[in-house]
Amino acid sequence: MNYLIVGGGIAGITAARRLRALAPGSRVTLVEAEPRPYYLRPGLIAVLAGEKSLEDISPYPPSWYEEQGIEFRPGNPAVELDPAGQRLGLASGETLAYDRLLLATGAEAFRPPIPGADLAGVFTLRSAADVERIRTRAEEANAALVIGGGWLGLEAARALRSHGLSVTVLERSPWLLPPPARSSRGGGLGKSARKPGDRRTGRERVSGPDGVLGGGTGASWGGRRA
């Protein structure tokens, strides 16, 4: 049996490991769009802050796939699917045949459908490539806006502060954190978040000549370093 998995995240990795255990004589191929092995996405904030490297949050090195008998195909995204012919087309032009196919491509970061969300300087934080783009921008910026005052938004704001940026967190509700977390820990978090260079806003919209950002998740930048 020839098993083909599209997506090298936690779902794809787990499926590949399980197939190896259940059908050790079968072929298992894992196709991943990103050019690197699986990494822990929540750890990207620590990488952005300079606290960890990408290797630190990558539990499975390339050698692990070979040891597990998994054929790993990174950096070559799937672009075409032929269910009738049981074939998958890759960006390189290569075609892979399969007996069973699993699509485990995961999610994409949400961009609010508002004017300006697609402008240069507006980022989401979902991949290692996003971290590099944000780092590059941080080298020339002096201020950042984080849209979303949940755990990830606040952690992203902390990471941006480590780059010496003045950070504003925009949250549409009057409190930081969702209600379950707020009831137990959010009371003191508002105070701890208000350190020099940090600002918190509630129920506001941020506008500019190129559009309006508000009520979503992402980051935009203002000003440049001299």
C-alpha atoms as a PDB file:
ATOM      1  CA  MET A   1       0.000   0.000   0.000  1.00  0.00           C
ATOM      2  CA  ASN A   2       1.248   3.436  -0.938  1.00  0.00           C
ATOM      3  CA  TYR A   3       0.173   6.135   1.533  1.00  0.00           C
ATOM      4  CA  LEU A   4       0.608   9.811   0.657  1.00  0.00           C
ATOM      5  CA  ILE A   5       0.199  12.586   3.236  1.00  0.00           C
ATOM      6  CA  VAL A   6       0.015  16.254   2.265  1.00  0.00           C
ATOM      7  CA  GLY A   7       1.021  18.476   5.180  1.00  0.00           C
ATOM      8  CA  GLY A   8       3.971  18.062   7.519  1.00  0.00           C
ATOM      9  CA  GLY A   9       2.434  19.601  10.635  1.00  0.00           C
ATOM     10  CA  ILE A  10       1.383  17.770  13.790  1.00  0.00           C
ATOM     11  CA  ALA A  11      -1.559  16.040  12.059  1.00  0.00           C
ATOM     12  CA  GLY A  12       0.590  14.812   9.175  1.00  0.00           C
ATOM     13  CA  ILE A  13       3.419  13.707  11.452  1.00  0.00           C
ATOM     14  CA  THR A  14       1.045  11.836  13.769  1.00  0.00           C
ATOM     15  CA  ALA A  15      -0.639  10.097  10.843  1.00  0.00           C
ATOM     16  CA  ALA A  16       2.713   9.090   9.344  1.00  0.00           C
ATOM     17  CA  ARG A  17       3.905   7.644  12.641  1.00  0.00           C
ATOM     18  CA  ARG A  18       0.672   5.729  13.115  1.00  0.00           C
ATOM     19  CA  LEU A  19       0.772   4.309   9.601  1.00  0.00           C
ATOM     20  CA  ARG A  20       4.323   3.165  10.171  1.00  0.00           C
ATOM     21  CA  ALA A  21       3.175   1.269  13.262  1.00  0.00           C
ATOM     22  CA  LEU A  22       0.033  -0.231  11.670  1.00  0.00           C
ATOM     23  CA  ALA A  23       1.441  -1.021   8.225  1.00  0.00           C
ATOM     24  CA  PRO A  24       5.231  -1.366   8.508  1.00  0.00           C
ATOM     25  CA  GLY A  25       5.500  -2.857   5.046  1.00  0.00           C
ATOM     26  CA  SER A  26       3.744   0.047   3.319  1.00  0.00           C
ATOM     27  CA  ARG A  27       5.269   3.120   1.726  1.00  0.00           C
ATOM     28  CA  VAL A  28       4.598   6.404   3.516  1.00  0.00           C
ATOM     29  CA  THR A  29       5.386   9.700   1.803  1.00  0.00           C
ATOM     30  CA  LEU A  30       5.000  13.079   3.495  1.00  0.00           C
ATOM     31  CA  VAL A  31       4.762  16.205   1.307  1.00  0.00           C
ATOM     32  CA  GLU A  32       5.378  19.569   2.974  1.00  0.00           C
ATOM     33  CA  ALA A  33       5.250  23.013   1.376  1.00  0.00           C
ATOM     34  CA  GLU A  34       7.737  24.561   3.796  1.00  0.00           C
ATOM     35  CA  PRO A  35      11.430  23.825   3.164  1.00  0.00           C
ATOM     36  CA  ARG A  36      12.073  22.498   6.680  1.00  0.00           C
ATOM     37  CA  PRO A  37      10.915  19.716   9.016  1.00  0.00           C
ATOM     38  CA  TYR A  38       8.030  20.048  11.437  1.00  0.00           C
ATOM     39  CA  TYR A  39       8.370  22.650  14.180  1.00  0.00           C
ATOM     40  CA  LEU A  40       6.218  23.697  17.122  1.00  0.00           C
ATOM     41  CA  ARG A  41       4.302  26.734  15.885  1.00  0.00           C
ATOM     42  CA  PRO A  42       3.623  28.189  19.370  1.00  0.00           C
ATOM     43  CA  GLY A  43       7.397  28.322  19.785  1.00  0.00           C
ATOM     44  CA  LEU A  44       7.724  30.804  16.927  1.00  0.00           C
ATOM     45  CA  ILE A  45       7.105  33.644  19.373  1.00  0.00           C
ATOM     46  CA  ALA A  46      10.177  32.587  21.367  1.00  0.00           C
ATOM     47  CA  VAL A  47      12.152  32.497  18.106  1.00  0.00           C
ATOM     48  CA  LEU A  48      10.920  35.991  17.266  1.00  0.00           C
ATOM     49  CA  ALA A  49      12.004  37.177  20.711  1.00  0.00           C
ATOM     50  CA  GLY A  50      15.464  35.677  20.207  1.00  0.00           C
ATOM     51  CA  GLU A  51      14.984  33.262  23.112  1.00  0.00           C
ATOM     52  CA  LYS A  52      15.139  30.116  20.981  1.00  0.00           C
ATOM     53  CA  SER A  53      16.334  29.059  17.562  1.00  0.00           C
ATOM     54  CA  LEU A  54      14.214  27.284  14.973  1.00  0.00           C
ATOM     55  CA  GLU A  55      16.172  24.115  15.707  1.00  0.00           C
ATOM     56  CA  ASP A  56      15.160  24.370  19.369  1.00  0.00           C
ATOM     57  CA  ILE A  57      11.491  24.052  18.454  1.00  0.00           C
ATOM     58  CA  SER A  58      11.969  21.334  15.813  1.00  0.00           C
ATOM     59  CA  PRO A  59      11.511  17.970  17.587  1.00  0.00           C
ATOM     60  CA  TYR A  60      12.195  15.833  14.509  1.00  0.00           C
ATOM     61  CA  PRO A  61      15.419  16.446  12.552  1.00  0.00           C
ATOM     62  CA  PRO A  62      15.643  15.298   8.914  1.00  0.00           C
ATOM     63  CA  SER A  63      17.374  12.083  10.007  1.00  0.00           C
ATOM     64  CA  TRP A  64      14.302  11.106  12.045  1.00  0.00           C
ATOM     65  CA  TYR A  65      12.139  10.733   8.931  1.00  0.00           C
ATOM     66  CA  GLU A  66      14.659   8.388   7.356  1.00  0.00           C
ATOM     67  CA  GLU A  67      14.948   6.356  10.549  1.00  0.00           C
ATOM     68  CA  GLN A  68      11.148   6.017  10.667  1.00  0.00           C
ATOM     69  CA  GLY A  69      10.964   4.910   7.045  1.00  0.00           C
ATOM     70  CA  ILE A  70       9.029   8.027   6.032  1.00  0.00           C
ATOM     71  CA  GLU A  71       9.854   9.570   2.665  1.00  0.00           C
ATOM     72  CA  PHE A  72       9.913  13.294   3.439  1.00  0.00           C
ATOM     73  CA  ARG A  73       9.402  15.812   0.600  1.00  0.00           C
ATOM     74  CA  PRO A  74       9.895  19.368   1.990  1.00  0.00           C
ATOM     75  CA  GLY A  75       9.773  22.597   0.016  1.00  0.00           C
ATOM     76  CA  ASN A  76       7.661  21.180  -2.810  1.00  0.00           C
ATOM     77  CA  PRO A  77       3.974  22.069  -2.293  1.00  0.00           C
ATOM     78  CA  ALA A  78       1.100  20.148  -3.826  1.00  0.00           C
ATOM     79  CA  VAL A  79      -0.606  22.108  -6.601  1.00  0.00           C
ATOM     80  CA  GLU A  80      -2.873  19.631  -8.389  1.00  0.00           C
ATOM     81  CA  LEU A  81      -4.968  16.637  -7.358  1.00  0.00           C
ATOM     82  CA  ASP A  82      -6.410  13.954  -9.615  1.00  0.00           C
ATOM     83  CA  PRO A  83      -8.657  11.769  -7.414  1.00  0.00           C
ATOM     84  CA  ALA A  84      -9.825   9.595 -10.311  1.00  0.00           C
ATOM     85  CA  GLY A  85      -6.272   8.814 -11.376  1.00  0.00           C
ATOM     86  CA  GLN A  86      -5.002   8.782  -7.766  1.00  0.00           C
ATOM     87  CA  ARG A  87      -2.187  11.190  -8.529  1.00  0.00           C
ATOM     88  CA  LEU A  88      -0.864  14.342  -6.872  1.00  0.00           C
ATOM     89  CA  GLY A  89       0.988  17.073  -8.770  1.00  0.00           C
ATOM     90  CA  LEU A  90       3.777  19.029  -7.083  1.00  0.00           C
ATOM     91  CA  ALA A  91       5.059  22.542  -7.809  1.00  0.00           C
ATOM     92  CA  SER A  92       8.251  21.053  -9.252  1.00  0.00           C
ATOM     93  CA  GLY A  93       6.226  19.331 -11.968  1.00  0.00           C
ATOM     94  CA  GLU A  94       6.645  15.908 -10.394  1.00  0.00           C
ATOM     95  CA  THR A  95       3.598  13.642 -10.073  1.00  0.00           C
ATOM     96  CA  LEU A  96       3.161  11.202  -7.193  1.00  0.00           C
ATOM     97  CA  ALA A  97       0.878   8.158  -7.342  1.00  0.00           C
ATOM     98  CA  TYR A  98      -0.941   6.926  -4.254  1.00  0.00           C
ATOM     99  CA  ASP A  99      -3.356   4.274  -3.009  1.00  0.00           C
ATOM    100  CA  ARG A 100      -4.561   6.309  -0.060  1.00  0.00           C
ATOM    101  CA  LEU A 101      -4.275  10.085   0.357  1.00  0.00           C
ATOM    102  CA  LEU A 102      -4.562  12.213   3.492  1.00  0.00           C
ATOM    103  CA  LEU A 103      -4.862  16.000   3.266  1.00  0.00           C
ATOM    104  CA  ALA A 104      -3.480  17.430   6.518  1.00  0.00           C
ATOM    105  CA  THR A 105      -2.618  20.933   5.392  1.00  0.00           C
ATOM    106  CA  GLY A 106      -3.655  22.708   8.593  1.00  0.00           C
ATOM    107  CA  ALA A 107      -4.910  26.271   8.868  1.00  0.00           C
ATOM    108  CA  GLU A 108      -3.932  29.722   7.693  1.00  0.00           C
ATOM    109  CA  ALA A 109      -3.640  32.832   9.837  1.00  0.00           C
ATOM    110  CA  PHE A 110      -6.739  35.026   9.604  1.00  0.00           C
ATOM    111  CA  ARG A 111      -6.490  38.477   8.023  1.00  0.00           C
ATOM    112  CA  PRO A 112      -9.428  40.757   8.810  1.00  0.00           C
ATOM    113  CA  PRO A 113     -11.359  41.655   5.636  1.00  0.00           C
ATOM    114  CA  ILE A 114     -10.779  45.380   6.107  1.00  0.00           C
ATOM    115  CA  PRO A 115      -9.056  48.012   3.958  1.00  0.00           C
ATOM    116  CA  GLY A 116      -5.301  48.013   4.368  1.00  0.00           C
ATOM    117  CA  ALA A 117      -4.917  44.476   5.712  1.00  0.00           C
ATOM    118  CA  ASP A 118      -2.970  43.457   2.611  1.00  0.00           C
ATOM    119  CA  LEU A 119      -0.531  46.382   2.653  1.00  0.00           C
ATOM    120  CA  ALA A 120       3.218  45.977   3.014  1.00  0.00           C
ATOM    121  CA  GLY A 121       4.154  46.085   6.659  1.00  0.00           C
ATOM    122  CA  VAL A 122       1.132  44.110   7.823  1.00  0.00           C
ATOM    123  CA  PHE A 123       2.042  40.604   8.976  1.00  0.00           C
ATOM    124  CA  THR A 124       0.602  37.460  10.447  1.00  0.00           C
ATOM    125  CA  LEU A 125       2.667  35.081  12.572  1.00  0.00           C
ATOM    126  CA  ARG A 126       2.114  31.506  11.446  1.00  0.00           C
ATOM    127  CA  SER A 127       5.339  30.243   9.878  1.00  0.00           C
ATOM    128  CA  ALA A 128       9.111  30.438  10.158  1.00  0.00           C
ATOM    129  CA  ALA A 129       9.096  32.625   7.046  1.00  0.00           C
ATOM    130  CA  ASP A 130       6.758  35.055   8.853  1.00  0.00           C
ATOM    131  CA  VAL A 131       9.275  35.328  11.692  1.00  0.00           C
ATOM    132  CA  GLU A 132      12.042  36.263   9.265  1.00  0.00           C
ATOM    133  CA  ARG A 133       9.870  38.878   7.555  1.00  0.00           C
ATOM    134  CA  ILE A 134       8.922  40.427  10.895  1.00  0.00           C
ATOM    135  CA  ARG A 135      12.540  40.461  12.069  1.00  0.00           C
ATOM    136  CA  THR A 136      13.619  42.210   8.889  1.00  0.00           C
ATOM    137  CA  ARG A 137      10.925  44.852   9.297  1.00  0.00           C
ATOM    138  CA  ALA A 138      11.753  45.317  12.995  1.00  0.00           C
ATOM    139  CA  GLU A 139      15.294  46.342  12.078  1.00  0.00           C
ATOM    140  CA  GLU A 140      14.005  49.500  10.389  1.00  0.00           C
ATOM    141  CA  ALA A 141      10.847  50.245  12.397  1.00  0.00           C
ATOM    142  CA  ASN A 142      10.474  51.893  15.770  1.00  0.00           C
ATOM    143  CA  ALA A 143       6.842  51.050  16.580  1.00  0.00           C
ATOM    144  CA  ALA A 144       4.470  48.126  16.110  1.00  0.00           C
ATOM    145  CA  LEU A 145       0.755  47.505  16.481  1.00  0.00           C
ATOM    146  CA  VAL A 146      -0.514  44.064  17.502  1.00  0.00           C
ATOM    147  CA  ILE A 147      -4.171  43.401  16.712  1.00  0.00           C
ATOM    148  CA  GLY A 148      -5.617  40.954  19.215  1.00  0.00           C
ATOM    149  CA  GLY A 149      -5.225  40.962  22.990  1.00  0.00           C
ATOM    150  CA  GLY A 150      -5.350  37.198  23.625  1.00  0.00           C
ATOM    151  CA  TRP A 151      -2.475  35.046  24.816  1.00  0.00           C
ATOM    152  CA  LEU A 152      -0.758  34.938  21.422  1.00  0.00           C
ATOM    153  CA  GLY A 153      -1.209  38.649  20.823  1.00  0.00           C
ATOM    154  CA  LEU A 154       0.313  39.554  24.176  1.00  0.00           C
ATOM    155  CA  GLU A 155       3.190  37.124  23.723  1.00  0.00           C
ATOM    156  CA  ALA A 156       3.829  38.572  20.263  1.00  0.00           C
ATOM    157  CA  ALA A 157       3.852  42.075  21.783  1.00  0.00           C
ATOM    158  CA  ARG A 158       6.417  40.943  24.341  1.00  0.00           C
ATOM    159  CA  ALA A 159       8.576  39.472  21.574  1.00  0.00           C
ATOM    160  CA  LEU A 160       8.416  42.720  19.606  1.00  0.00           C
ATOM    161  CA  ARG A 161       9.438  44.704  22.679  1.00  0.00           C
ATOM    162  CA  SER A 162      12.621  42.610  22.785  1.00  0.00           C
ATOM    163  CA  HIS A 163      13.533  44.250  19.467  1.00  0.00           C
ATOM    164  CA  GLY A 164      13.317  47.692  21.078  1.00  0.00           C
ATOM    165  CA  LEU A 165       9.994  48.632  19.502  1.00  0.00           C
ATOM    166  CA  SER A 166       7.227  50.670  21.060  1.00  0.00           C
ATOM    167  CA  VAL A 167       4.218  48.327  20.985  1.00  0.00           C
ATOM    168  CA  THR A 168       0.489  49.026  21.043  1.00  0.00           C
ATOM    169  CA  VAL A 169      -1.977  46.164  21.539  1.00  0.00           C
ATOM    170  CA  LEU A 170      -5.401  46.689  19.989  1.00  0.00           C
ATOM    171  CA  GLU A 171      -8.238  44.609  21.469  1.00  0.00           C
ATOM    172  CA  ARG A 172     -11.901  45.152  20.571  1.00  0.00           C
ATOM    173  CA  SER A 173     -13.181  44.068  23.992  1.00  0.00           C
ATOM    174  CA  PRO A 174     -12.580  46.238  27.104  1.00  0.00           C
ATOM    175  CA  TRP A 175     -10.325  43.541  28.618  1.00  0.00           C
ATOM    176  CA  LEU A 176      -7.242  41.636  27.622  1.00  0.00           C
ATOM    177  CA  LEU A 177      -7.515  37.844  27.279  1.00  0.00           C
ATOM    178  CA  PRO A 178     -10.690  35.811  26.640  1.00  0.00           C
ATOM    179  CA  PRO A 179     -13.167  35.444  29.550  1.00  0.00           C
ATOM    180  CA  PRO A 180     -11.943  32.041  30.941  1.00  0.00           C
ATOM    181  CA  ALA A 181      -8.349  33.243  31.227  1.00  0.00           C
ATOM    182  CA  ARG A 182      -9.391  36.710  32.365  1.00  0.00           C
ATOM    183  CA  SER A 183     -11.346  35.405  35.335  1.00  0.00           C
ATOM    184  CA  SER A 184      -8.305  33.695  36.835  1.00  0.00           C
ATOM    185  CA  ARG A 185      -5.311  35.657  35.623  1.00  0.00           C
ATOM    186  CA  GLY A 186      -6.374  38.628  33.567  1.00  0.00           C
ATOM    187  CA  GLY A 187      -6.877  40.956  36.503  1.00  0.00           C
ATOM    188  CA  GLY A 188      -3.192  41.576  37.006  1.00  0.00           C
ATOM    189  CA  LEU A 189      -2.156  41.135  33.424  1.00  0.00           C
ATOM    190  CA  GLY A 190      -3.309  44.570  32.317  1.00  0.00           C
ATOM    191  CA  LYS A 191      -0.932  46.128  34.822  1.00  0.00           C
ATOM    192  CA  SER A 192       1.981  43.862  33.915  1.00  0.00           C
ATOM    193  CA  ALA A 193       1.490  44.586  30.221  1.00  0.00           C
ATOM    194  CA  ARG A 194       1.782  48.310  30.757  1.00  0.00           C
ATOM    195  CA  LYS A 195       5.538  48.572  30.885  1.00  0.00           C
ATOM    196  CA  PRO A 196       7.527  51.437  29.361  1.00  0.00           C
ATOM    197  CA  GLY A 197       7.004  51.407  25.631  1.00  0.00           C
ATOM    198  CA  ASP A 198       3.744  49.434  25.828  1.00  0.00           C
ATOM    199  CA  ARG A 199       0.231  50.710  25.302  1.00  0.00           C
ATOM    200  CA  ARG A 200      -3.130  48.969  25.467  1.00  0.00           C
ATOM    201  CA  THR A 201      -6.310  50.148  23.783  1.00  0.00           C
ATOM    202  CA  GLY A 202      -9.899  48.918  23.913  1.00  0.00           C
ATOM    203  CA  ARG A 203     -12.728  49.259  21.428  1.00  0.00           C
ATOM    204  CA  GLU A 204     -10.765  51.522  19.134  1.00  0.00           C
ATOM    205  CA  ARG A 205      -9.950  51.652  15.460  1.00  0.00           C
ATOM    206  CA  VAL A 206      -6.565  52.549  14.092  1.00  0.00           C
ATOM    207  CA  SER A 207      -6.752  54.559  10.899  1.00  0.00           C
ATOM    208  CA  GLY A 208      -4.273  55.948   8.446  1.00  0.00           C
ATOM    209  CA  PRO A 209      -4.034  57.297   4.912  1.00  0.00           C
ATOM    210  CA  ASP A 210      -3.796  53.789   3.441  1.00  0.00           C
ATOM    211  CA  GLY A 211      -6.627  52.057   5.281  1.00  0.00           C
ATOM    212  CA  VAL A 212      -8.096  51.056   8.612  1.00  0.00           C
ATOM    213  CA  LEU A 213      -7.009  48.168  10.808  1.00  0.00           C
ATOM    214  CA  GLY A 214      -9.066  46.923  13.723  1.00  0.00           C
ATOM    215  CA  GLY A 215     -10.736  43.927  15.311  1.00  0.00           C
ATOM    216  CA  GLY A 216      -8.581  41.079  14.022  1.00  0.00           C
ATOM    217  CA  THR A 217      -5.239  39.360  14.464  1.00  0.00           C
ATOM    218  CA  GLY A 218      -1.969  40.568  12.995  1.00  0.00           C
ATOM    219  CA  ALA A 219       0.630  43.258  13.271  1.00  0.00           C
ATOM    220  CA  SER A 220       1.362  46.503  11.474  1.00  0.00           C
ATOM    221  CA  TRP A 221       4.247  48.898  11.768  1.00  0.00           C
ATOM    222  CA  GLY A 222       4.784  52.592  12.056  1.00  0.00           C
ATOM    223  CA  GLY A 223       7.837  54.789  11.735  1.00  0.00           C
ATOM    224  CA  ARG A 224      11.359  53.877  10.783  1.00  0.00           C
ATOM    225  CA  ARG A 225      14.657  53.906  12.571  1.00  0.00           C
ATOM    226  CA  ALA A 226      16.925  56.828  11.805  1.00  0.00           C
END
